[in-house]
Amino acid sequence: MRSFSNYLKHSKIAVSIVFLTSGIGTAIADVPADKFDLSEWNITLPSDDNNDGQPDQVSVKDIKKFEHSDFFYLDENGGMVFSTPNKATTTKNTTNTRSELRHMLRGKSSRIKTHDPKNNFTIASNPIAKKFKRIGGKMEATLKVNHVSLNAKYPEKGPAYSVVVGQIHATKWKKPIKGFGWGNEPLKIYFKKHPNHEKGSVFWTYERNLPKSDENRIDIAYPVFGNTWLDPNEPGEQGISLGEEFSYVVNVHEDVMYLTFEAEGHETVKYRINLGNAIDAYGDVDKYDHPYGYTLDYNYFKAGAYNQCSTKDDPGFWYPACPGTGNWEEDKANGNYSSVTFSRLIVGKSVAPEPGHGENQKRDKG
């Protein structure tokens, strides 16, 4: 029935289909926007149905009635499923595929440009902060990872067997100014599980705000549940299993990003990092980072499945060269894909954190 629902979204006809079973009506025309507030989100998919050579995007206006039977739909429990193969059409600046939402503070007001300050947030120290739609912001999610790619040519590389389930992304400018506008990511939340491990790990990364040509522009990884990509060992009871729910809260308040991670049977993990300087999440100065962090950048939230198992084969770089044919059914059967289910996703204004949020991470370093 989902294939028929896909037909309906192209015709843009709002309908309600009801099956009658033993006299009981059961609606089956649900799409993700029926269960989740997607009034400020668009989505990028790992498909090219209009044959323009670009991944398909669904606008804030059209996502209200949209689902994709393979890559974006509600499961039988009302969870919002994002799936993406290793090989598919990708966006301009990456070799990784995605089925991923992008937060649009403008809502349906398409007259506001995507990279306009009125469609993005910044931190309080930005001298033009008042021009932005929002200073800071908050994203909360509860999710489980259903699957990550089972195969990689270079399994020792960090992105192998992993998927990003939440991000803060900075916009890329045509002419970066004073070391800002590179389009880097102050936050990526990862789940990574080796195929021979019982459990996977959750960790997050901060990307130094430097140009791509700078060898010091790397992602600094911080552990949450289990290991980071620097430790290939089985995480054991500290890890998170496929199908096991965990939650994250990303609260950018004034200049500081406050992170909270929770999962049943695990201690709550909290971090904080100032996005307006070069001090890392352990309280140490990072001499390689931009001295003012992301102060002037325009930022936005992302959530879904951003598959890190790139098929690009370049042994000298970060690419794990994961296999993929580009045929969804074949790649799914071979385990060459990522899939994530969200049971909760909320965005809004930032809130003042509790005193001492993330202070313990300075003490626990190492």
Protein backbone atom coordinates (compact mmCIF):
# COMPACT_ATOMS: atom_id res chain seq x y z
CA MET A 1 0.00 0.00 0.00
CA ARG A 2 2.93 2.33 0.46
CA SER A 3 3.64 2.26 -3.25
CA PHE A 4 0.09 3.49 -3.83
CA SER A 5 0.68 6.21 -1.25
CA ASN A 6 3.73 7.29 -3.24
CA TYR A 7 1.49 7.66 -6.28
CA LEU A 8 -0.83 9.89 -4.25
CA LYS A 9 1.95 12.24 -3.21
CA HIS A 10 2.81 12.85 -6.87
CA SER A 11 -0.82 13.64 -7.67
CA LYS A 12 -0.98 15.89 -4.59
CA ILE A 13 -4.45 14.66 -3.73
CA ALA A 14 -5.22 14.38 -0.04
CA VAL A 15 -7.16 11.21 0.59
CA SER A 16 -8.00 8.86 3.40
CA ILE A 17 -7.97 5.15 2.74
CA VAL A 18 -9.71 2.84 5.14
CA PHE A 19 -9.68 -0.92 5.31
CA LEU A 20 -12.74 -2.48 6.92
CA THR A 21 -11.86 -5.59 8.89
CA SER A 22 -14.57 -7.20 11.04
CA GLY A 23 -16.42 -3.92 11.02
CA ILE A 24 -13.45 -1.93 12.35
CA GLY A 25 -11.97 0.88 10.23
CA THR A 26 -8.15 1.10 10.19
CA ALA A 27 -6.56 4.10 8.48
CA ILE A 28 -3.46 3.14 6.52
CA ALA A 29 -2.67 6.42 4.75
CA ASP A 30 -0.37 7.69 7.53
CA VAL A 31 2.76 9.58 6.52
CA PRO A 32 5.52 10.80 8.86
CA ALA A 33 4.05 14.32 9.10
CA ASP A 34 0.86 12.80 10.56
CA LYS A 35 2.81 11.67 13.62
CA PHE A 36 5.67 14.17 13.83
CA ASP A 37 5.75 17.97 13.61
CA LEU A 38 7.60 18.48 10.33
CA SER A 39 6.33 22.02 9.77
CA GLU A 40 9.93 23.32 9.76
CA TRP A 41 11.71 20.45 8.03
CA ASN A 42 12.55 19.43 4.48
CA ILE A 43 14.21 16.16 3.52
CA THR A 44 16.96 14.95 1.20
CA LEU A 45 16.61 11.39 -0.08
CA PRO A 46 19.01 8.87 -1.70
CA SER A 47 16.98 8.84 -4.90
CA ASP A 48 16.80 10.75 -8.18
CA ASP A 49 13.26 10.17 -9.38
CA ASN A 50 13.25 13.29 -11.55
CA ASN A 51 16.56 12.34 -13.24
CA ASP A 52 18.27 15.68 -12.69
CA GLY A 53 21.47 14.13 -11.34
CA GLN A 54 20.76 15.43 -7.82
CA PRO A 55 19.30 13.66 -4.78
CA ASP A 56 15.57 14.28 -4.46
CA GLN A 57 14.45 16.92 -1.99
CA VAL A 58 10.97 17.41 -0.57
CA SER A 59 10.07 20.90 0.63
CA VAL A 60 8.50 21.93 3.92
CA LYS A 61 5.24 22.45 2.04
CA ASP A 62 5.21 19.05 0.34
CA ILE A 63 6.54 16.93 3.20
CA LYS A 64 3.15 17.26 4.90
CA LYS A 65 1.76 14.56 2.56
CA PHE A 66 4.96 12.74 1.70
CA GLU A 67 6.43 9.32 2.32
CA HIS A 68 8.81 7.08 0.42
CA SER A 69 8.17 3.36 0.77
CA ASP A 70 11.89 2.55 0.84
CA PHE A 71 13.60 5.53 2.42
CA PHE A 72 11.17 7.57 4.57
CA TYR A 73 7.98 6.21 6.12
CA LEU A 74 6.16 5.25 9.32
CA ASP A 75 6.63 1.74 10.65
CA GLU A 76 3.88 -0.36 12.25
CA ASN A 77 4.50 1.33 15.62
CA GLY A 78 4.35 4.88 14.27
CA GLY A 79 8.12 5.34 14.24
CA MET A 80 9.67 7.54 11.55
CA VAL A 81 12.05 5.38 9.50
CA PHE A 82 15.01 6.73 7.51
CA SER A 83 16.93 4.31 5.27
CA THR A 84 19.75 4.90 2.83
CA PRO A 85 22.01 2.56 0.78
CA ASN A 86 25.79 2.88 0.58
CA LYS A 87 25.59 3.79 -3.11
CA ALA A 88 23.12 6.39 -4.43
CA THR A 89 22.98 9.96 -5.65
CA THR A 90 24.66 12.30 -3.15
CA THR A 91 24.70 16.03 -2.49
CA LYS A 92 27.44 18.19 -3.96
CA ASN A 93 29.93 18.29 -1.11
CA THR A 94 29.88 14.67 0.09
CA THR A 95 30.26 11.09 -1.09
CA ASN A 96 27.92 9.83 1.64
CA THR A 97 24.25 9.09 0.97
CA ARG A 98 21.47 10.30 3.21
CA SER A 99 17.82 10.13 4.10
CA GLU A 100 17.92 13.17 6.33
CA LEU A 101 15.79 16.08 7.49
CA ARG A 102 17.08 19.66 7.37
CA HIS A 103 15.59 22.19 9.78
CA MET A 104 14.15 25.25 8.04
CA LEU A 105 13.38 28.07 10.47
CA ARG A 106 11.59 29.93 7.67
CA GLY A 107 8.93 27.21 7.53
CA LYS A 108 7.04 27.41 4.24
CA SER A 109 8.22 30.97 3.46
CA SER A 110 10.27 30.07 0.40
CA ARG A 111 10.84 33.76 -0.38
CA ILE A 112 13.47 33.61 2.39
CA LYS A 113 16.63 32.06 0.93
CA THR A 114 17.91 28.80 2.40
CA HIS A 115 21.19 30.39 3.55
CA ASP A 116 19.59 33.61 4.78
CA PRO A 117 20.09 34.45 8.48
CA LYS A 118 16.29 34.29 8.86
CA ASN A 119 16.44 30.57 8.07
CA ASN A 120 19.37 29.74 10.37
CA PHE A 121 20.62 30.24 13.89
CA THR A 122 23.87 31.61 15.26
CA ILE A 123 25.47 32.07 18.67
CA ALA A 124 25.11 35.13 20.87
CA SER A 125 28.65 36.41 20.28
CA ASN A 126 28.03 36.92 16.57
CA PRO A 127 28.07 40.73 16.07
CA ILE A 128 25.06 40.45 13.73
CA ALA A 129 23.17 37.91 15.88
CA LYS A 130 20.03 40.09 15.89
CA LYS A 131 19.61 39.53 12.14
CA PHE A 132 19.09 35.80 12.64
CA LYS A 133 15.79 34.03 13.12
CA ARG A 134 17.10 32.54 16.33
CA ILE A 135 20.08 32.72 18.66
CA GLY A 136 20.87 29.12 19.52
CA GLY A 137 18.23 26.43 19.51
CA LYS A 138 17.30 23.04 20.89
CA MET A 139 16.81 19.65 19.22
CA GLU A 140 15.59 16.57 21.12
CA ALA A 141 15.35 13.05 19.72
CA THR A 142 14.70 9.48 20.76
CA LEU A 143 15.70 6.81 18.25
CA LYS A 144 17.08 3.38 17.54
CA VAL A 145 19.49 2.28 14.83
CA ASN A 146 18.11 -0.68 12.92
CA HIS A 147 21.08 -1.40 10.68
CA VAL A 148 24.48 -0.16 9.60
CA SER A 149 26.49 -1.42 6.64
CA LEU A 150 27.98 -4.87 7.19
CA ASN A 151 30.83 -4.49 4.72
CA ALA A 152 33.80 -2.19 4.08
CA LYS A 153 36.97 -2.58 2.03
CA TYR A 154 38.89 -0.62 4.66
CA PRO A 155 37.27 -1.68 7.95
CA GLU A 156 39.97 0.06 9.99
CA LYS A 157 38.81 3.51 8.87
CA GLY A 158 36.64 5.44 11.29
CA PRO A 159 33.47 5.94 9.21
CA ALA A 160 33.12 2.23 8.38
CA TYR A 161 29.96 0.60 9.79
CA SER A 162 28.57 3.93 11.02
CA VAL A 163 25.67 6.33 10.57
CA VAL A 164 25.16 9.93 11.75
CA VAL A 165 21.76 10.42 13.41
CA GLY A 166 21.92 14.13 14.28
CA GLN A 167 23.95 17.18 13.26
CA ILE A 168 24.54 20.86 13.53
CA HIS A 169 25.80 22.06 10.16
CA ALA A 170 27.19 25.48 9.22
CA THR A 171 26.34 26.98 5.84
CA LYS A 172 29.01 27.18 3.16
CA TRP A 173 29.71 30.63 1.75
CA LYS A 174 30.95 31.36 -1.77
CA LYS A 175 33.57 33.67 -0.24
CA PRO A 176 34.50 32.69 3.34
CA ILE A 177 35.28 35.72 5.50
CA LYS A 178 37.75 35.85 8.40
CA GLY A 179 37.92 32.08 8.54
CA PHE A 180 34.17 31.46 8.63
CA GLY A 181 31.74 30.03 6.09
CA TRP A 182 33.52 26.75 5.35
CA GLY A 183 30.35 24.71 5.83
CA ASN A 184 31.81 22.59 8.63
CA GLU A 185 29.96 20.67 11.34
CA PRO A 186 30.31 21.60 15.02
CA LEU A 187 28.31 18.47 15.85
CA LYS A 188 27.74 15.03 14.40
CA ILE A 189 26.18 12.26 16.53
CA TYR A 190 27.36 8.79 15.46
CA PHE A 191 26.32 5.19 15.94
CA LYS A 192 28.98 2.67 14.88
CA LYS A 193 28.87 -1.11 15.14
CA HIS A 194 31.40 -3.58 13.78
CA PRO A 195 29.70 -6.62 12.19
CA ASN A 196 31.42 -9.04 14.57
CA HIS A 197 30.45 -7.08 17.70
CA GLU A 198 27.39 -7.67 19.84
CA LYS A 199 26.94 -3.97 20.58
CA GLY A 200 27.71 -0.68 18.91
CA SER A 201 28.93 2.66 20.22
CA VAL A 202 27.41 6.13 20.34
CA PHE A 203 29.79 9.11 20.20
CA TRP A 204 29.80 12.67 18.93
CA THR A 205 32.32 14.75 17.03
CA TYR A 206 33.30 18.40 16.78
CA GLU A 207 34.92 19.52 13.53
CA ARG A 208 37.60 22.17 13.78
CA ASN A 209 36.37 25.19 11.86
CA LEU A 210 39.09 25.30 9.22
CA PRO A 211 39.21 25.15 5.39
CA LYS A 212 39.16 21.74 3.75
CA SER A 213 42.74 22.26 2.56
CA ASP A 214 44.01 22.52 6.16
CA GLU A 215 45.34 19.16 7.38
CA ASN A 216 44.21 20.06 10.91
CA ARG A 217 40.55 20.20 9.87
CA ILE A 218 39.56 16.95 11.57
CA ASP A 219 36.66 15.71 13.69
CA ILE A 220 37.43 15.40 17.40
CA ALA A 221 35.49 12.41 18.79
CA TYR A 222 34.01 12.21 22.30
CA PRO A 223 32.62 8.95 23.77
CA VAL A 224 29.04 8.57 24.97
CA PHE A 225 27.97 4.92 25.15
CA GLY A 226 30.90 2.64 24.38
CA ASN A 227 33.89 3.73 22.28
CA THR A 228 34.72 6.29 19.61
CA TRP A 229 35.97 5.38 16.15
CA LEU A 230 39.53 5.38 17.58
CA ASP A 231 38.88 2.18 19.54
CA PRO A 232 38.00 -0.91 17.45
CA ASN A 233 37.32 -3.13 20.48
CA GLU A 234 33.95 -4.56 21.47
CA PRO A 235 32.24 -1.93 23.70
CA GLY A 236 30.56 -4.60 25.83
CA GLU A 237 27.89 -3.54 28.31
CA GLN A 238 28.83 0.11 27.85
CA GLY A 239 27.59 -0.06 24.26
CA ILE A 240 24.19 0.17 22.57
CA SER A 241 22.66 -2.67 20.56
CA LEU A 242 20.95 -2.38 17.20
CA GLY A 243 17.27 -1.81 17.95
CA GLU A 244 17.99 -0.32 21.38
CA GLU A 245 16.62 3.17 21.98
CA PHE A 246 18.68 6.10 23.15
CA SER A 247 18.01 9.83 23.36
CA TYR A 248 19.94 13.00 22.75
CA VAL A 249 19.29 16.65 23.56
CA VAL A 250 21.28 19.34 21.75
CA ASN A 251 20.80 22.69 23.47
CA VAL A 252 22.77 25.62 22.02
CA HIS A 253 22.23 28.40 24.55
CA GLU A 254 23.95 31.75 23.98
CA ASP A 255 27.49 30.62 22.98
CA VAL A 256 27.56 27.13 24.47
CA MET A 257 26.39 23.77 23.12
CA TYR A 258 25.05 21.56 25.91
CA LEU A 259 24.64 17.86 25.07
CA THR A 260 22.69 15.24 27.01
CA PHE A 261 22.56 11.53 26.15
CA GLU A 262 20.32 8.98 27.86
CA ALA A 263 19.58 5.27 27.45
CA GLU A 264 17.92 2.76 29.74
CA GLY A 265 20.49 0.92 31.86
CA HIS A 266 23.16 3.55 31.21
CA GLU A 267 24.29 6.58 33.17
CA THR A 268 23.30 9.91 31.64
CA VAL A 269 26.20 11.50 29.76
CA LYS A 270 26.55 15.28 29.51
CA TYR A 271 28.97 17.53 27.67
CA ARG A 272 29.35 21.21 27.00
CA ILE A 273 31.51 23.09 24.53
CA ASN A 274 31.69 26.79 23.76
CA LEU A 275 31.15 27.36 20.02
CA GLY A 276 32.69 30.84 20.19
CA ASN A 277 36.27 29.94 21.10
CA ALA A 278 38.91 27.23 20.66
CA ILE A 279 38.40 25.46 24.00
CA ASP A 280 37.43 21.80 23.59
CA ALA A 281 34.79 19.82 25.50
CA TYR A 282 37.36 18.85 28.14
CA GLY A 283 38.20 22.49 28.88
CA ASP A 284 41.56 22.51 27.09
CA VAL A 285 42.66 25.05 24.48
CA ASP A 286 42.85 23.53 20.99
CA LYS A 287 45.69 25.43 19.32
CA TYR A 288 44.69 24.12 15.89
CA ASP A 289 41.04 25.24 15.90
CA HIS A 290 39.78 28.63 14.73
CA PRO A 291 40.37 30.92 17.76
CA TYR A 292 36.74 32.06 17.59
CA GLY A 293 35.20 28.68 16.82
CA TYR A 294 31.94 29.12 14.88
CA THR A 295 31.20 32.68 16.04
CA LEU A 296 30.20 34.14 12.66
CA ASP A 297 28.67 31.01 11.14
CA TYR A 298 25.06 30.37 10.12
CA ASN A 299 23.90 27.03 11.54
CA TYR A 300 21.03 24.55 11.24
CA PHE A 301 19.95 21.20 12.68
CA LYS A 302 19.76 17.91 10.77
CA ALA A 303 18.33 14.54 11.82
CA GLY A 304 17.84 11.15 10.17
CA ALA A 305 20.23 8.65 8.59
CA TYR A 306 23.41 10.14 7.13
CA ASN A 307 25.26 7.00 6.00
CA GLN A 308 29.00 7.27 6.64
CA CYS A 309 29.86 4.15 4.61
CA SER A 310 31.02 5.94 1.47
CA THR A 311 31.70 3.78 -1.58
CA LYS A 312 34.59 6.03 -2.64
CA ASP A 313 37.84 4.07 -2.84
CA ASP A 314 40.77 6.28 -1.90
CA PRO A 315 43.08 4.45 0.52
CA GLY A 316 45.04 7.59 1.37
CA PHE A 317 42.04 9.33 2.84
CA TRP A 318 39.09 8.76 5.17
CA TYR A 319 36.88 6.78 2.79
CA PRO A 320 36.10 3.16 3.86
CA ALA A 321 35.15 2.08 0.30
CA CYS A 322 31.98 0.29 1.31
CA PRO A 323 30.34 -1.86 -1.39
CA GLY A 324 27.13 -0.92 -3.18
CA THR A 325 25.48 -1.43 -6.55
CA GLY A 326 22.98 1.42 -6.60
CA ASN A 327 20.12 -1.07 -6.73
CA TRP A 328 18.22 -0.68 -3.47
CA GLU A 329 16.79 -4.20 -3.27
CA GLU A 330 20.17 -5.78 -3.98
CA ASP A 331 22.07 -3.53 -1.59
CA LYS A 332 19.50 -4.08 1.15
CA ALA A 333 19.72 -7.86 0.72
CA ASN A 334 23.52 -7.66 1.00
CA GLY A 335 23.42 -5.50 4.13
CA ASN A 336 24.97 -2.49 2.40
CA TYR A 337 22.77 0.22 3.90
CA SER A 338 21.87 2.14 7.07
CA SER A 339 18.46 2.46 8.71
CA VAL A 340 17.28 4.48 11.73
CA THR A 341 13.87 4.85 13.42
CA PHE A 342 12.92 7.96 15.41
CA SER A 343 10.12 7.78 17.98
CA ARG A 344 10.56 11.44 18.99
CA LEU A 345 11.94 14.56 17.29
CA ILE A 346 11.36 18.10 18.59
CA VAL A 347 13.01 21.43 17.79
CA GLY A 348 12.58 24.81 19.46
CA LYS A 349 14.23 27.63 21.35
CA SER A 350 17.18 27.04 23.63
CA VAL A 351 16.79 26.94 27.40
CA ALA A 352 19.17 27.89 30.21
CA PRO A 353 21.04 24.74 31.30
CA GLU A 354 21.20 23.35 34.81
CA PRO A 355 24.24 24.57 36.77
CA GLY A 356 27.32 22.43 36.21
CA HIS A 357 26.07 20.77 33.02
CA GLY A 358 28.99 18.84 31.54
CA GLU A 359 31.52 19.86 34.19
CA ASN A 360 32.32 16.23 35.04
CA GLN A 361 33.66 15.59 31.54
CA LYS A 362 36.66 17.77 32.34
CA ARG A 363 37.44 15.57 35.33
CA ASP A 364 36.78 12.31 33.48
CA LYS A 365 39.03 13.03 30.49
CA GLY A 366 41.10 9.98 29.61
